[in-house]
N, C-alpha and C. Protein backbone atom coordinates (compact mmCIF):
# COMPACT_ATOMS: atom_id res chain seq x y z
N UNK A 1 98.55 72.88 95.22
CA UNK A 1 99.72 72.94 96.05
C UNK A 1 100.97 73.25 95.24
N UNK A 2 101.09 72.70 94.03
CA UNK A 2 102.23 72.95 93.21
C UNK A 2 102.37 74.44 92.85
N UNK A 3 101.22 75.03 92.50
CA UNK A 3 101.17 76.44 92.16
C UNK A 3 101.62 77.28 93.33
N UNK A 4 101.14 76.94 94.54
CA UNK A 4 101.58 77.65 95.72
C UNK A 4 103.12 77.59 95.91
N UNK A 5 103.68 76.42 95.69
CA UNK A 5 105.11 76.27 95.84
C UNK A 5 105.89 77.18 94.85
N UNK A 6 105.38 77.25 93.64
CA UNK A 6 106.04 78.07 92.61
C UNK A 6 105.89 79.55 93.00
N UNK A 7 104.75 79.94 93.46
CA UNK A 7 104.57 81.34 93.87
C UNK A 7 105.56 81.68 94.97
N UNK A 8 105.67 80.81 96.01
CA UNK A 8 106.60 81.09 97.11
C UNK A 8 108.05 81.14 96.65
N UNK A 9 108.38 80.25 95.71
CA UNK A 9 109.75 80.24 95.19
C UNK A 9 110.06 81.55 94.49
N UNK A 10 109.15 81.98 93.60
CA UNK A 10 109.35 83.24 92.88
C UNK A 10 109.36 84.45 93.83
N UNK A 11 108.45 84.40 94.78
CA UNK A 11 108.37 85.50 95.73
C UNK A 11 109.67 85.61 96.54
N UNK A 12 110.19 84.48 96.95
CA UNK A 12 111.47 84.49 97.68
C UNK A 12 112.60 85.09 96.85
N UNK A 13 112.66 84.68 95.59
CA UNK A 13 113.71 85.22 94.69
C UNK A 13 113.50 86.71 94.49
N UNK A 14 112.31 87.15 94.31
CA UNK A 14 112.02 88.58 94.10
C UNK A 14 112.34 89.35 95.36
N UNK A 15 111.97 88.84 96.52
CA UNK A 15 112.23 89.48 97.78
C UNK A 15 113.73 89.60 98.02
N UNK A 16 114.45 88.55 97.73
CA UNK A 16 115.92 88.60 97.88
C UNK A 16 116.53 89.64 97.03
N UNK A 17 116.00 89.86 95.83
CA UNK A 17 116.52 90.88 94.90
C UNK A 17 116.07 92.28 95.35
N UNK A 18 114.96 92.39 96.11
CA UNK A 18 114.55 93.62 96.68
C UNK A 18 113.76 94.57 95.82
N UNK A 19 113.30 94.10 94.68
CA UNK A 19 112.56 95.02 93.77
C UNK A 19 111.15 94.49 93.53
N UNK A 20 110.13 95.15 94.19
CA UNK A 20 108.76 94.70 94.02
C UNK A 20 108.19 94.94 92.61
N UNK A 21 108.94 95.60 91.79
CA UNK A 21 108.50 95.85 90.41
C UNK A 21 109.22 94.98 89.38
N UNK A 22 110.06 94.10 89.87
CA UNK A 22 110.86 93.29 88.95
C UNK A 22 109.99 92.30 88.19
N UNK A 23 110.53 91.79 87.13
CA UNK A 23 109.81 90.78 86.30
C UNK A 23 109.43 89.58 87.13
N UNK A 24 110.34 89.14 87.95
CA UNK A 24 110.07 87.95 88.78
C UNK A 24 108.98 88.22 89.82
N UNK A 25 108.96 89.42 90.37
CA UNK A 25 107.89 89.77 91.33
C UNK A 25 106.57 89.80 90.57
N UNK A 26 106.55 90.35 89.39
CA UNK A 26 105.31 90.43 88.60
C UNK A 26 104.84 89.05 88.22
N UNK A 27 105.76 88.12 87.95
CA UNK A 27 105.36 86.73 87.65
C UNK A 27 104.72 86.10 88.86
N UNK A 28 105.31 86.34 90.04
CA UNK A 28 104.73 85.79 91.28
C UNK A 28 103.30 86.35 91.48
N UNK A 29 103.12 87.60 91.19
CA UNK A 29 101.81 88.23 91.32
C UNK A 29 100.82 87.62 90.32
N UNK A 30 101.28 87.43 89.09
CA UNK A 30 100.43 86.82 88.04
C UNK A 30 99.98 85.43 88.48
N UNK A 31 100.92 84.64 88.99
CA UNK A 31 100.55 83.30 89.43
C UNK A 31 99.66 83.36 90.67
N UNK A 32 99.83 84.33 91.53
CA UNK A 32 98.97 84.51 92.69
C UNK A 32 97.52 84.81 92.21
N UNK A 33 97.40 85.64 91.16
CA UNK A 33 96.11 85.89 90.56
C UNK A 33 95.50 84.57 90.03
N UNK A 34 96.28 83.79 89.34
CA UNK A 34 95.75 82.49 88.85
C UNK A 34 95.29 81.64 90.01
N UNK A 35 96.06 81.60 91.11
CA UNK A 35 95.69 80.84 92.28
C UNK A 35 94.36 81.35 92.85
N UNK A 36 94.22 82.67 92.92
CA UNK A 36 92.93 83.28 93.42
C UNK A 36 91.78 82.87 92.52
N UNK A 37 91.98 82.91 91.23
CA UNK A 37 90.92 82.56 90.29
C UNK A 37 90.48 81.11 90.45
N UNK A 38 91.38 80.25 90.82
CA UNK A 38 91.04 78.82 91.08
C UNK A 38 90.20 78.68 92.31
N UNK A 39 90.39 79.63 93.28
CA UNK A 39 89.69 79.56 94.55
C UNK A 39 88.29 80.19 94.55
N UNK A 40 88.06 81.03 93.53
CA UNK A 40 86.84 81.83 93.50
C UNK A 40 85.94 81.42 92.33
N UNK A 41 84.71 81.88 92.42
CA UNK A 41 83.78 81.66 91.33
C UNK A 41 84.30 82.36 90.06
N UNK A 42 84.20 81.67 88.97
CA UNK A 42 84.73 82.18 87.67
C UNK A 42 84.13 83.57 87.42
N UNK A 43 85.02 84.48 86.99
CA UNK A 43 84.62 85.83 86.61
C UNK A 43 84.50 86.80 87.76
N UNK A 44 84.88 86.39 88.98
CA UNK A 44 84.72 87.29 90.10
C UNK A 44 86.03 88.03 90.51
N UNK A 45 87.11 87.72 89.83
CA UNK A 45 88.41 88.38 90.16
C UNK A 45 88.33 89.88 89.85
N UNK A 46 88.83 90.67 90.78
CA UNK A 46 89.00 92.10 90.51
C UNK A 46 90.39 92.50 91.07
N UNK A 47 90.94 93.53 90.48
CA UNK A 47 92.22 94.04 90.97
C UNK A 47 92.08 94.55 92.42
N UNK A 48 90.97 95.19 92.66
CA UNK A 48 90.72 95.76 93.97
C UNK A 48 90.67 94.67 95.03
N UNK A 49 90.00 93.57 94.71
CA UNK A 49 89.91 92.46 95.67
C UNK A 49 91.28 91.83 95.90
N UNK A 50 92.07 91.76 94.82
CA UNK A 50 93.42 91.17 94.93
C UNK A 50 94.29 92.01 95.89
N UNK A 51 94.22 93.33 95.70
CA UNK A 51 94.98 94.20 96.54
C UNK A 51 94.47 94.16 97.97
N UNK A 52 93.17 94.14 98.15
CA UNK A 52 92.59 94.09 99.45
C UNK A 52 93.02 92.83 100.21
N UNK A 53 93.06 91.72 99.49
CA UNK A 53 93.49 90.46 100.10
C UNK A 53 94.92 90.57 100.64
N UNK A 54 95.82 91.15 99.86
CA UNK A 54 97.21 91.27 100.28
C UNK A 54 97.36 92.30 101.42
N UNK A 55 96.46 93.32 101.43
CA UNK A 55 96.43 94.22 102.57
C UNK A 55 96.07 93.42 103.84
N UNK A 56 95.15 92.47 103.65
CA UNK A 56 94.78 91.61 104.75
C UNK A 56 95.93 90.72 105.20
N UNK A 57 96.73 90.28 104.27
CA UNK A 57 97.91 89.49 104.63
C UNK A 57 98.81 90.27 105.59
N UNK A 58 98.97 91.54 105.35
CA UNK A 58 99.80 92.41 106.18
C UNK A 58 99.16 92.60 107.56
N UNK A 59 97.84 92.75 107.54
CA UNK A 59 97.09 93.07 108.79
C UNK A 59 96.92 91.82 109.69
N UNK A 60 96.89 90.66 109.10
CA UNK A 60 96.63 89.40 109.88
C UNK A 60 97.95 88.70 110.16
N UNK A 61 98.25 88.58 111.44
CA UNK A 61 99.50 87.98 111.88
C UNK A 61 99.74 86.59 111.39
N UNK A 62 98.66 85.84 111.15
CA UNK A 62 98.80 84.47 110.65
C UNK A 62 99.35 84.45 109.23
N UNK A 63 98.85 85.36 108.38
CA UNK A 63 99.37 85.47 107.03
C UNK A 63 100.77 86.08 107.02
N UNK A 64 100.95 87.07 107.88
CA UNK A 64 102.28 87.71 107.95
C UNK A 64 103.32 86.63 108.35
N UNK A 65 103.01 85.78 109.27
CA UNK A 65 103.94 84.70 109.68
C UNK A 65 104.22 83.77 108.52
N UNK A 66 103.17 83.46 107.71
CA UNK A 66 103.33 82.56 106.59
C UNK A 66 104.28 83.11 105.54
N UNK A 67 104.09 84.37 105.15
CA UNK A 67 104.94 84.96 104.08
C UNK A 67 106.29 85.42 104.62
N UNK A 68 106.30 85.87 105.89
CA UNK A 68 107.56 86.34 106.45
C UNK A 68 108.51 85.18 106.77
N UNK A 69 108.03 83.93 106.65
CA UNK A 69 108.99 82.84 106.79
C UNK A 69 109.99 82.87 105.67
N UNK A 70 109.71 83.55 104.60
CA UNK A 70 110.64 83.74 103.50
C UNK A 70 111.66 84.81 103.80
N UNK A 71 111.37 85.61 104.81
CA UNK A 71 112.25 86.69 105.27
C UNK A 71 111.42 87.81 105.89
N UNK A 72 111.91 88.39 106.98
CA UNK A 72 111.17 89.45 107.63
C UNK A 72 110.86 90.58 106.63
N UNK A 73 109.60 90.95 106.56
CA UNK A 73 109.15 92.02 105.66
C UNK A 73 108.67 91.54 104.29
N UNK A 74 108.68 90.23 104.09
CA UNK A 74 108.27 89.68 102.81
C UNK A 74 106.78 89.91 102.51
N UNK A 75 105.99 89.90 103.55
CA UNK A 75 104.53 90.11 103.36
C UNK A 75 104.27 91.50 102.83
N UNK A 76 104.95 92.47 103.38
CA UNK A 76 104.79 93.85 102.94
C UNK A 76 105.36 94.00 101.52
N UNK A 77 106.42 93.35 101.24
CA UNK A 77 107.01 93.35 99.93
C UNK A 77 106.03 92.77 98.89
N UNK A 78 105.37 91.67 99.27
CA UNK A 78 104.36 91.02 98.39
C UNK A 78 103.19 91.99 98.15
N UNK A 79 102.73 92.64 99.17
CA UNK A 79 101.69 93.64 99.01
C UNK A 79 102.07 94.73 98.07
N UNK A 80 103.30 95.21 98.24
CA UNK A 80 103.80 96.27 97.36
C UNK A 80 103.92 95.81 95.91
N UNK A 81 104.33 94.56 95.74
CA UNK A 81 104.41 93.97 94.38
C UNK A 81 103.00 93.88 93.79
N UNK A 82 102.01 93.45 94.56
CA UNK A 82 100.64 93.37 94.07
C UNK A 82 100.13 94.75 93.72
N UNK A 83 100.49 95.77 94.52
CA UNK A 83 100.10 97.15 94.19
C UNK A 83 100.59 97.52 92.80
N UNK A 84 101.83 97.17 92.54
CA UNK A 84 102.42 97.46 91.23
C UNK A 84 101.76 96.63 90.11
N UNK A 85 101.43 95.36 90.43
CA UNK A 85 100.83 94.47 89.47
C UNK A 85 99.44 94.95 89.07
N UNK A 86 98.63 95.31 90.02
CA UNK A 86 97.27 95.76 89.70
C UNK A 86 97.20 97.18 89.26
N UNK A 87 98.26 97.93 89.56
CA UNK A 87 98.41 99.37 89.29
C UNK A 87 97.50 99.91 88.28
């Protein structure tokens, strides 16, 4: 739960700044990767799966509502940041 709070805090800061390639956005993405690795079997993380997950966030209204509570469009911003992160 603490990691999730940190991710959301950083994501909100990055979103407010408006740059999905910023250092703070990349830090949020890095921590999101760490969060994913905690949720999955060790050694199963892939960049493709990470990006696909965030594409799902945009496609699924439940996830969109969760991330867009930080600001309208934040879910798409996060997906774009992940695209840059896994680039």
